[in-house]
Amino acid sequence: TFSFTDPAVSMDLLRAVLQPSINEEIRGIFNKYMKFFQKAAINVRDNVGEEVDPEQLIQETCRSCLEQAKLLFSDGKKVVARLPHEQAVPKRARQVDEELNRRGSPVPKKRKGRPPGQSLSNDRGVSGVAAWKLKVSEPVRRDGPKWDPSRLTETTTFVLGSRANKALGMGGTRGRLYIKHPHLFKYAADPQDKHWLAEQQHMRATGGKMAYLLIEEDIRDLAASDDYRDSVDLRLEELKPFVPPAWMTEKMQRHMETLRHGGDAPP
């Protein structure tokens, strides 16, 4: 049993009880605007270069929004000072949260790497497919049979990333597939590759526009997963798979080998 005489600590106890409900409502607000953050982050990456991490940009933007929202409770001051009890009794506040959690309170344990806009209880977006998940703190795993370069042969079929987005019901948000599924192998076509793709009418000749190639099998595996198979937006006829020439497949094998061993994508 806790007994507090400090009013600030008593209020923080109430805050701890209400925090899960508050968090869920905040996530709902962020989900309304997440499509704008996603599109902007992908555009920044496409304009600046592959060294830009869209996931990190989105998470930093969400944190910035929350910091700016603090100004609503700052009495008009530009700098939001920490409340005295936040400096004096942080350990006691944590103990309260832990005690409530042990007693079955809905106060959840903190999770690292989840952005403010992601709901814990509802991972499905408005379009009916699973909502994108950001796990910046967790490294992308590039192991197992899907990351074995030997799986790429002269008969392996590939699809354009833009078509894969449409096929899985994400055509309205360019690049959303790569944010949701960072474990997928993707290859950025170079000018020589784009020339062949344009000649074969797999894509338009569009200068510096980014074009990613993904393995058709990986996309069909995603489509058969629980996240997508019941989606009304699934359009697998949009994939339009093709077999690239041997010289392009060899480049993709080298690219996969480099990424699998933790290297950066070649320029």
C-alpha atoms as a PDB file:
ATOM      1  CA  THR A   1       0.000   0.000   0.000  1.00  0.00           C
ATOM      2  CA  PHE A   2       1.331   3.432  -0.930  1.00  0.00           C
ATOM      3  CA  SER A   3       0.757   6.522   1.135  1.00  0.00           C
ATOM      4  CA  PHE A   4       1.929   9.860  -0.251  1.00  0.00           C
ATOM      5  CA  THR A   5       1.789  13.311   1.229  1.00  0.00           C
ATOM      6  CA  ASP A   6       3.392  15.008  -1.769  1.00  0.00           C
ATOM      7  CA  PRO A   7       0.552  16.295  -4.027  1.00  0.00           C
ATOM      8  CA  ALA A   8       2.729  16.006  -7.114  1.00  0.00           C
ATOM      9  CA  VAL A   9       3.420  12.323  -6.440  1.00  0.00           C
ATOM     10  CA  SER A  10      -0.285  11.679  -5.815  1.00  0.00           C
ATOM     11  CA  MET A  11      -1.111  13.256  -9.172  1.00  0.00           C
ATOM     12  CA  ASP A  12       1.588  11.172 -10.819  1.00  0.00           C
ATOM     13  CA  LEU A  13      -0.053   8.059  -9.399  1.00  0.00           C
ATOM     14  CA  LEU A  14      -3.306   9.069 -11.097  1.00  0.00           C
ATOM     15  CA  ARG A  15      -1.337   9.808 -14.267  1.00  0.00           C
ATOM     16  CA  ALA A  16       0.151   6.284 -14.197  1.00  0.00           C
ATOM     17  CA  VAL A  17      -3.323   4.738 -14.004  1.00  0.00           C
ATOM     18  CA  LEU A  18      -4.684   6.843 -16.877  1.00  0.00           C
ATOM     19  CA  GLN A  19      -1.522   6.708 -19.027  1.00  0.00           C
ATOM     20  CA  PRO A  20      -2.485   3.617 -21.106  1.00  0.00           C
ATOM     21  CA  SER A  21      -5.774   5.199 -22.192  1.00  0.00           C
ATOM     22  CA  ILE A  22      -4.044   8.492 -22.933  1.00  0.00           C
ATOM     23  CA  ASN A  23      -1.379   6.687 -24.977  1.00  0.00           C
ATOM     24  CA  GLU A  24      -3.979   4.894 -27.084  1.00  0.00           C
ATOM     25  CA  GLU A  25      -5.775   8.156 -27.875  1.00  0.00           C
ATOM     26  CA  ILE A  26      -2.472   9.812 -28.796  1.00  0.00           C
ATOM     27  CA  ARG A  27      -1.643   6.894 -31.094  1.00  0.00           C
ATOM     28  CA  GLY A  28      -5.020   7.303 -32.759  1.00  0.00           C
ATOM     29  CA  ILE A  29      -4.223  10.951 -33.476  1.00  0.00           C
ATOM     30  CA  PHE A  30      -0.821  10.109 -34.923  1.00  0.00           C
ATOM     31  CA  ASN A  31      -2.311   7.364 -37.095  1.00  0.00           C
ATOM     32  CA  LYS A  32      -4.438  10.037 -38.808  1.00  0.00           C
ATOM     33  CA  TYR A  33      -1.329  11.887 -39.952  1.00  0.00           C
ATOM     34  CA  MET A  34       1.102   9.000 -40.391  1.00  0.00           C
ATOM     35  CA  LYS A  35       0.478   8.718 -44.135  1.00  0.00           C
ATOM     36  CA  PHE A  36       1.825  12.255 -44.563  1.00  0.00           C
ATOM     37  CA  PHE A  37       4.947  11.464 -42.530  1.00  0.00           C
ATOM     38  CA  GLN A  38       5.515   8.261 -44.509  1.00  0.00           C
ATOM     39  CA  LYS A  39       5.187   9.940 -47.895  1.00  0.00           C
ATOM     40  CA  ALA A  40       7.405  12.864 -46.897  1.00  0.00           C
ATOM     41  CA  ALA A  41      10.117  10.567 -45.495  1.00  0.00           C
ATOM     42  CA  ILE A  42      10.190   8.467 -48.663  1.00  0.00           C
ATOM     43  CA  ASN A  43      10.387  11.613 -50.812  1.00  0.00           C
ATOM     44  CA  VAL A  44      13.298  12.892 -48.728  1.00  0.00           C
ATOM     45  CA  ARG A  45      15.110   9.588 -49.156  1.00  0.00           C
ATOM     46  CA  ASP A  46      14.471   9.557 -52.918  1.00  0.00           C
ATOM     47  CA  ASN A  47      15.696  13.144 -53.284  1.00  0.00           C
ATOM     48  CA  VAL A  48      18.686  13.011 -50.946  1.00  0.00           C
ATOM     49  CA  GLY A  49      19.905   9.449 -51.322  1.00  0.00           C
ATOM     50  CA  GLU A  50      19.896   5.960 -49.839  1.00  0.00           C
ATOM     51  CA  GLU A  51      21.860   7.123 -46.774  1.00  0.00           C
ATOM     52  CA  VAL A  52      18.625   8.690 -45.460  1.00  0.00           C
ATOM     53  CA  ASP A  53      16.683   6.380 -43.129  1.00  0.00           C
ATOM     54  CA  PRO A  54      12.911   7.048 -43.568  1.00  0.00           C
ATOM     55  CA  GLU A  55      12.068   5.136 -40.403  1.00  0.00           C
ATOM     56  CA  GLN A  56      14.362   7.309 -38.315  1.00  0.00           C
ATOM     57  CA  LEU A  57      12.952  10.466 -39.895  1.00  0.00           C
ATOM     58  CA  ILE A  58       9.386   9.434 -39.063  1.00  0.00           C
ATOM     59  CA  GLN A  59      10.222   8.550 -35.482  1.00  0.00           C
ATOM     60  CA  GLU A  60      12.087  11.825 -34.933  1.00  0.00           C
ATOM     61  CA  THR A  61       9.153  13.757 -36.406  1.00  0.00           C
ATOM     62  CA  CYS A  62       6.717  12.017 -34.064  1.00  0.00           C
ATOM     63  CA  ARG A  63       8.904  12.863 -31.081  1.00  0.00           C
ATOM     64  CA  SER A  64       9.156  16.461 -32.249  1.00  0.00           C
ATOM     65  CA  CYS A  65       5.358  16.683 -32.467  1.00  0.00           C
ATOM     66  CA  LEU A  66       5.069  15.536 -28.881  1.00  0.00           C
ATOM     67  CA  GLU A  67       7.687  18.034 -27.746  1.00  0.00           C
ATOM     68  CA  GLN A  68       5.812  20.854 -29.454  1.00  0.00           C
ATOM     69  CA  ALA A  69       2.554  19.685 -27.901  1.00  0.00           C
ATOM     70  CA  LYS A  70       4.066  20.328 -24.470  1.00  0.00           C
ATOM     71  CA  LEU A  71       3.793  24.040 -25.223  1.00  0.00           C
ATOM     72  CA  LEU A  72       0.034  23.701 -24.754  1.00  0.00           C
ATOM     73  CA  PHE A  73       0.703  23.303 -21.031  1.00  0.00           C
ATOM     74  CA  SER A  74       3.592  25.740 -20.619  1.00  0.00           C
ATOM     75  CA  ASP A  75       1.624  28.875 -19.632  1.00  0.00           C
ATOM     76  CA  GLY A  76       2.762  30.586 -22.821  1.00  0.00           C
ATOM     77  CA  LYS A  77       6.459  30.130 -22.126  1.00  0.00           C
ATOM     78  CA  LYS A  78       8.648  29.072 -25.016  1.00  0.00           C
ATOM     79  CA  VAL A  79      10.732  26.691 -22.924  1.00  0.00           C
ATOM     80  CA  VAL A  80       8.939  23.820 -21.254  1.00  0.00           C
ATOM     81  CA  ALA A  81      10.533  23.325 -17.830  1.00  0.00           C
ATOM     82  CA  ARG A  82      10.406  19.977 -16.107  1.00  0.00           C
ATOM     83  CA  LEU A  83       8.012  19.794 -13.209  1.00  0.00           C
ATOM     84  CA  PRO A  84       9.711  19.701  -9.784  1.00  0.00           C
ATOM     85  CA  HIS A  85       8.419  16.231  -8.926  1.00  0.00           C
ATOM     86  CA  GLU A  86       9.818  14.850 -12.190  1.00  0.00           C
ATOM     87  CA  GLN A  87      13.299  15.779 -11.017  1.00  0.00           C
ATOM     88  CA  ALA A  88      12.820  14.944  -7.338  1.00  0.00           C
ATOM     89  CA  VAL A  89      11.064  11.583  -7.373  1.00  0.00           C
ATOM     90  CA  PRO A  90      11.562   9.812 -10.705  1.00  0.00           C
ATOM     91  CA  LYS A  91      12.496   6.588  -8.947  1.00  0.00           C
ATOM     92  CA  ARG A  92       9.350   6.617  -6.789  1.00  0.00           C
ATOM     93  CA  ALA A  93       7.183   7.237  -9.831  1.00  0.00           C
ATOM     94  CA  ARG A  94       8.728   4.217 -11.566  1.00  0.00           C
ATOM     95  CA  GLN A  95       8.097   2.128  -8.448  1.00  0.00           C
ATOM     96  CA  VAL A  96       4.431   3.142  -8.541  1.00  0.00           C
ATOM     97  CA  ASP A  97       4.148   2.056 -12.190  1.00  0.00           C
ATOM     98  CA  GLU A  98       5.850  -1.269 -11.438  1.00  0.00           C
ATOM     99  CA  GLU A  99       3.651  -1.913  -8.386  1.00  0.00           C
ATOM    100  CA  LEU A 100       0.475  -1.197 -10.381  1.00  0.00           C
ATOM    101  CA  ASN A 101       1.667  -3.482 -13.142  1.00  0.00           C
ATOM    102  CA  ARG A 102       2.252  -6.335 -10.674  1.00  0.00           C
ATOM    103  CA  ARG A 103      -1.276  -5.834  -9.319  1.00  0.00           C
ATOM    104  CA  GLY A 104      -2.830  -6.247 -12.757  1.00  0.00           C
ATOM    105  CA  SER A 105      -3.233  -2.572 -13.634  1.00  0.00           C
ATOM    106  CA  PRO A 106      -3.433  -1.802 -17.371  1.00  0.00           C
ATOM    107  CA  VAL A 107      -0.185   0.186 -17.134  1.00  0.00           C
ATOM    108  CA  PRO A 108       1.963  -1.407 -19.874  1.00  0.00           C
ATOM    109  CA  LYS A 109       5.677  -1.994 -19.775  1.00  0.00           C
ATOM    110  CA  LYS A 110       7.578   0.433 -21.936  1.00  0.00           C
ATOM    111  CA  ARG A 111       8.656  -0.900 -25.300  1.00  0.00           C
ATOM    112  CA  LYS A 112      11.697   0.334 -27.071  1.00  0.00           C
ATOM    113  CA  GLY A 113      11.582   1.192 -30.731  1.00  0.00           C
ATOM    114  CA  ARG A 114       7.806   1.692 -31.101  1.00  0.00           C
ATOM    115  CA  PRO A 115       6.865   5.073 -32.571  1.00  0.00           C
ATOM    116  CA  PRO A 116       4.108   7.179 -31.011  1.00  0.00           C
ATOM    117  CA  GLY A 117       1.888   6.584 -34.049  1.00  0.00           C
ATOM    118  CA  GLN A 118       1.814   2.815 -33.757  1.00  0.00           C
ATOM    119  CA  SER A 119      -1.031   1.123 -31.952  1.00  0.00           C
ATOM    120  CA  LEU A 120      -0.303  -1.854 -29.734  1.00  0.00           C
ATOM    121  CA  SER A 121      -3.833  -3.233 -29.884  1.00  0.00           C
ATOM    122  CA  ASN A 122      -4.649  -2.572 -33.516  1.00  0.00           C
ATOM    123  CA  ASP A 123      -1.991  -3.277 -36.140  1.00  0.00           C
ATOM    124  CA  ARG A 124      -4.390  -2.874 -39.065  1.00  0.00           C
ATOM    125  CA  GLY A 125      -4.590   0.359 -40.971  1.00  0.00           C
ATOM    126  CA  VAL A 126      -7.557   2.003 -42.681  1.00  0.00           C
ATOM    127  CA  SER A 127      -6.827   0.215 -45.944  1.00  0.00           C
ATOM    128  CA  GLY A 128      -7.329  -3.194 -44.295  1.00  0.00           C
ATOM    129  CA  VAL A 129      -3.699  -4.340 -44.402  1.00  0.00           C
ATOM    130  CA  ALA A 130      -1.396  -4.570 -41.419  1.00  0.00           C
ATOM    131  CA  ALA A 131      -0.118  -1.200 -40.256  1.00  0.00           C
ATOM    132  CA  TRP A 132       3.550  -0.456 -40.836  1.00  0.00           C
ATOM    133  CA  LYS A 133       5.824  -1.198 -37.911  1.00  0.00           C
ATOM    134  CA  LEU A 134       8.903   0.774 -37.048  1.00  0.00           C
ATOM    135  CA  LYS A 135      11.560  -0.969 -35.036  1.00  0.00           C
ATOM    136  CA  VAL A 136      14.498   1.340 -35.418  1.00  0.00           C
ATOM    137  CA  SER A 137      16.203   0.000 -32.321  1.00  0.00           C
ATOM    138  CA  GLU A 138      16.160  -3.536 -33.740  1.00  0.00           C
ATOM    139  CA  PRO A 139      18.657  -4.286 -36.519  1.00  0.00           C
ATOM    140  CA  VAL A 140      17.264  -5.742 -39.727  1.00  0.00           C
ATOM    141  CA  ARG A 141      18.056  -9.458 -39.814  1.00  0.00           C
ATOM    142  CA  ARG A 142      19.591 -10.585 -43.071  1.00  0.00           C
ATOM    143  CA  ASP A 143      20.108 -14.272 -42.585  1.00  0.00           C
ATOM    144  CA  GLY A 144      18.381 -17.522 -43.424  1.00  0.00           C
ATOM    145  CA  PRO A 145      17.524 -19.047 -46.807  1.00  0.00           C
ATOM    146  CA  LYS A 146      15.863 -15.880 -48.155  1.00  0.00           C
ATOM    147  CA  TRP A 147      19.217 -14.087 -47.878  1.00  0.00           C
ATOM    148  CA  ASP A 148      21.259 -16.824 -49.545  1.00  0.00           C
ATOM    149  CA  PRO A 149      22.614 -15.393 -52.840  1.00  0.00           C
ATOM    150  CA  SER A 150      22.455 -18.865 -54.384  1.00  0.00           C
ATOM    151  CA  ARG A 151      18.648 -18.574 -54.493  1.00  0.00           C
ATOM    152  CA  LEU A 152      19.064 -15.972 -57.228  1.00  0.00           C
ATOM    153  CA  THR A 153      19.423 -17.919 -60.456  1.00  0.00           C
ATOM    154  CA  GLU A 154      18.966 -17.129 -64.126  1.00  0.00           C
ATOM    155  CA  THR A 155      15.333 -18.222 -63.824  1.00  0.00           C
ATOM    156  CA  THR A 156      14.444 -16.232 -60.664  1.00  0.00           C
ATOM    157  CA  THR A 157      11.574 -13.847 -61.323  1.00  0.00           C
ATOM    158  CA  PHE A 158      11.543 -10.284 -60.021  1.00  0.00           C
ATOM    159  CA  VAL A 159       8.972  -7.507 -59.745  1.00  0.00           C
ATOM    160  CA  LEU A 160       9.252  -3.743 -59.569  1.00  0.00           C
ATOM    161  CA  GLY A 161       8.833  -2.277 -56.096  1.00  0.00           C
ATOM    162  CA  SER A 162       6.144   0.091 -57.340  1.00  0.00           C
ATOM    163  CA  ARG A 163       4.105  -2.853 -58.642  1.00  0.00           C
ATOM    164  CA  ALA A 164       4.616  -4.801 -55.409  1.00  0.00           C
ATOM    165  CA  ASN A 165       3.232  -1.812 -53.475  1.00  0.00           C
ATOM    166  CA  LYS A 166       0.118  -1.821 -55.645  1.00  0.00           C
ATOM    167  CA  ALA A 167      -0.267  -5.598 -55.502  1.00  0.00           C
ATOM    168  CA  LEU A 168      -0.306  -5.568 -51.690  1.00  0.00           C
ATOM    169  CA  GLY A 169      -2.763  -2.675 -51.557  1.00  0.00           C
ATOM    170  CA  MET A 170      -0.283   0.105 -50.749  1.00  0.00           C
ATOM    171  CA  GLY A 171      -0.201   1.911 -54.080  1.00  0.00           C
ATOM    172  CA  GLY A 172      -1.287   5.199 -52.521  1.00  0.00           C
ATOM    173  CA  THR A 173       1.847   5.504 -50.386  1.00  0.00           C
ATOM    174  CA  ARG A 174       4.999   5.155 -52.409  1.00  0.00           C
ATOM    175  CA  GLY A 175       7.675   3.179 -50.597  1.00  0.00           C
ATOM    176  CA  ARG A 176       5.423   2.039 -47.750  1.00  0.00           C
ATOM    177  CA  LEU A 177       6.326  -1.586 -48.456  1.00  0.00           C
ATOM    178  CA  TYR A 178       9.991  -0.978 -47.612  1.00  0.00           C
ATOM    179  CA  ILE A 179       9.113   0.655 -44.276  1.00  0.00           C
ATOM    180  CA  LYS A 180       6.702  -2.089 -43.259  1.00  0.00           C
ATOM    181  CA  HIS A 181       8.998  -4.939 -44.295  1.00  0.00           C
ATOM    182  CA  PRO A 182      12.659  -3.850 -43.998  1.00  0.00           C
ATOM    183  CA  HIS A 183      13.696  -7.528 -43.988  1.00  0.00           C
ATOM    184  CA  LEU A 184      12.811  -7.859 -47.690  1.00  0.00           C
ATOM    185  CA  PHE A 185      15.652  -7.995 -50.165  1.00  0.00           C
ATOM    186  CA  LYS A 186      15.468  -5.062 -52.559  1.00  0.00           C
ATOM    187  CA  TYR A 187      17.874  -3.970 -55.234  1.00  0.00           C
ATOM    188  CA  ALA A 188      18.142  -0.396 -56.492  1.00  0.00           C
ATOM    189  CA  ALA A 189      18.459  -0.455 -60.266  1.00  0.00           C
ATOM    190  CA  ASP A 190      21.408   1.469 -61.691  1.00  0.00           C
ATOM    191  CA  PRO A 191      21.294   3.365 -65.028  1.00  0.00           C
ATOM    192  CA  GLN A 192      22.298   0.249 -66.992  1.00  0.00           C
ATOM    193  CA  ASP A 193      19.532  -1.766 -65.325  1.00  0.00           C
ATOM    194  CA  LYS A 194      16.977   0.977 -65.953  1.00  0.00           C
ATOM    195  CA  HIS A 195      17.912   1.086 -69.609  1.00  0.00           C
ATOM    196  CA  TRP A 196      17.202  -2.642 -69.951  1.00  0.00           C
ATOM    197  CA  LEU A 197      13.958  -2.342 -67.956  1.00  0.00           C
ATOM    198  CA  ALA A 198      12.779   0.507 -70.181  1.00  0.00           C
ATOM    199  CA  GLU A 199      13.740  -1.354 -73.360  1.00  0.00           C
ATOM    200  CA  GLN A 200      11.716  -4.366 -72.200  1.00  0.00           C
ATOM    201  CA  GLN A 201       8.821  -2.032 -71.298  1.00  0.00           C
ATOM    202  CA  HIS A 202       8.867  -3.018 -67.634  1.00  0.00           C
ATOM    203  CA  MET A 203       9.133   0.649 -66.686  1.00  0.00           C
ATOM    204  CA  ARG A 204       9.172   4.067 -68.300  1.00  0.00           C
ATOM    205  CA  ALA A 205      12.420   5.819 -69.079  1.00  0.00           C
ATOM    206  CA  THR A 206      12.312   8.366 -66.242  1.00  0.00           C
ATOM    207  CA  GLY A 207      15.842   9.621 -65.723  1.00  0.00           C
ATOM    208  CA  GLY A 208      16.879   9.709 -62.084  1.00  0.00           C
ATOM    209  CA  LYS A 209      13.730   8.167 -60.600  1.00  0.00           C
ATOM    210  CA  MET A 210      14.479   5.339 -58.143  1.00  0.00           C
ATOM    211  CA  ALA A 211      13.495   1.825 -59.220  1.00  0.00           C
ATOM    212  CA  TYR A 212      13.698  -1.137 -56.872  1.00  0.00           C
ATOM    213  CA  LEU A 213      13.585  -4.805 -57.812  1.00  0.00           C
ATOM    214  CA  LEU A 214      12.166  -7.384 -55.416  1.00  0.00           C
ATOM    215  CA  ILE A 215      11.960 -11.156 -55.618  1.00  0.00           C
ATOM    216  CA  GLU A 216       8.501 -12.259 -56.756  1.00  0.00           C
ATOM    217  CA  GLU A 217       8.513 -15.233 -54.367  1.00  0.00           C
ATOM    218  CA  ASP A 218       9.015 -12.910 -51.368  1.00  0.00           C
ATOM    219  CA  ILE A 219       6.031 -10.760 -52.357  1.00  0.00           C
ATOM    220  CA  ARG A 220       3.781 -13.771 -52.912  1.00  0.00           C
ATOM    221  CA  ASP A 221       4.815 -15.132 -49.499  1.00  0.00           C
ATOM    222  CA  LEU A 222       3.770 -11.810 -47.969  1.00  0.00           C
ATOM    223  CA  ALA A 223       0.474 -11.896 -49.842  1.00  0.00           C
ATOM    224  CA  ALA A 224      -0.264 -15.344 -48.387  1.00  0.00           C
ATOM    225  CA  SER A 225       0.483 -14.209 -44.822  1.00  0.00           C
ATOM    226  CA  ASP A 226      -2.153 -13.338 -42.225  1.00  0.00           C
ATOM    227  CA  ASP A 227      -1.506  -9.633 -42.768  1.00  0.00           C
ATOM    228  CA  TYR A 228      -2.585  -9.614 -46.409  1.00  0.00           C
ATOM    229  CA  ARG A 229      -4.429 -12.701 -47.579  1.00  0.00           C
ATOM    230  CA  ASP A 230      -7.844 -11.432 -46.463  1.00  0.00           C
ATOM    231  CA  SER A 231      -7.294  -7.872 -47.644  1.00  0.00           C
ATOM    232  CA  VAL A 232      -9.800  -6.535 -50.158  1.00  0.00           C
ATOM    233  CA  ASP A 233      -6.994  -4.411 -51.624  1.00  0.00           C
ATOM    234  CA  LEU A 234      -4.864  -7.395 -52.692  1.00  0.00           C
ATOM    235  CA  ARG A 235      -4.113  -7.153 -56.438  1.00  0.00           C
ATOM    236  CA  LEU A 236      -1.547  -9.816 -57.345  1.00  0.00           C
ATOM    237  CA  GLU A 237      -2.255  -9.334 -61.043  1.00  0.00           C
ATOM    238  CA  GLU A 238      -0.352  -6.029 -60.680  1.00  0.00           C
ATOM    239  CA  LEU A 239       2.976  -7.819 -60.092  1.00  0.00           C
ATOM    240  CA  LYS A 240       3.915  -8.406 -63.770  1.00  0.00           C
ATOM    241  CA  PRO A 241       6.997 -10.561 -62.951  1.00  0.00           C
ATOM    242  CA  PHE A 242       9.962 -10.860 -65.302  1.00  0.00           C
ATOM    243  CA  VAL A 243      13.306 -12.644 -65.574  1.00  0.00           C
ATOM    244  CA  PRO A 244      16.257 -10.212 -65.754  1.00  0.00           C
ATOM    245  CA  PRO A 245      19.361 -10.952 -67.833  1.00  0.00           C
ATOM    246  CA  ALA A 246      22.175 -12.962 -66.268  1.00  0.00           C
ATOM    247  CA  TRP A 247      24.452  -9.928 -65.821  1.00  0.00           C
ATOM    248  CA  MET A 248      21.793  -8.154 -63.770  1.00  0.00           C
ATOM    249  CA  THR A 249      21.157 -11.219 -61.632  1.00  0.00           C
ATOM    250  CA  GLU A 250      24.879 -11.439 -60.882  1.00  0.00           C
ATOM    251  CA  LYS A 251      24.852  -7.847 -59.663  1.00  0.00           C
ATOM    252  CA  MET A 252      21.918  -8.626 -57.390  1.00  0.00           C
ATOM    253  CA  GLN A 253      23.737 -11.663 -56.009  1.00  0.00           C
ATOM    254  CA  ARG A 254      26.716  -9.483 -55.085  1.00  0.00           C
ATOM    255  CA  HIS A 255      24.381  -6.896 -53.584  1.00  0.00           C
ATOM    256  CA  MET A 256      22.657  -9.516 -51.423  1.00  0.00           C
ATOM    257  CA  GLU A 257      26.001 -10.922 -50.282  1.00  0.00           C
ATOM    258  CA  THR A 258      27.187  -7.445 -49.265  1.00  0.00           C
ATOM    259  CA  LEU A 259      24.033  -6.680 -47.287  1.00  0.00           C
ATOM    260  CA  ARG A 260      23.990 -10.107 -45.649  1.00  0.00           C
ATOM    261  CA  HIS A 261      27.425  -9.492 -44.168  1.00  0.00           C
ATOM    262  CA  GLY A 262      26.451  -6.104 -42.794  1.00  0.00           C
ATOM    263  CA  GLY A 263      27.931  -3.971 -45.572  1.00  0.00           C
ATOM    264  CA  ASP A 264      26.396  -0.917 -47.150  1.00  0.00           C
ATOM    265  CA  ALA A 265      24.672  -0.892 -50.487  1.00  0.00           C
ATOM    266  CA  PRO A 266      27.187  -0.158 -53.246  1.00  0.00           C
ATOM    267  CA  PRO A 267      26.928   3.263 -54.912  1.00  0.00           C
END
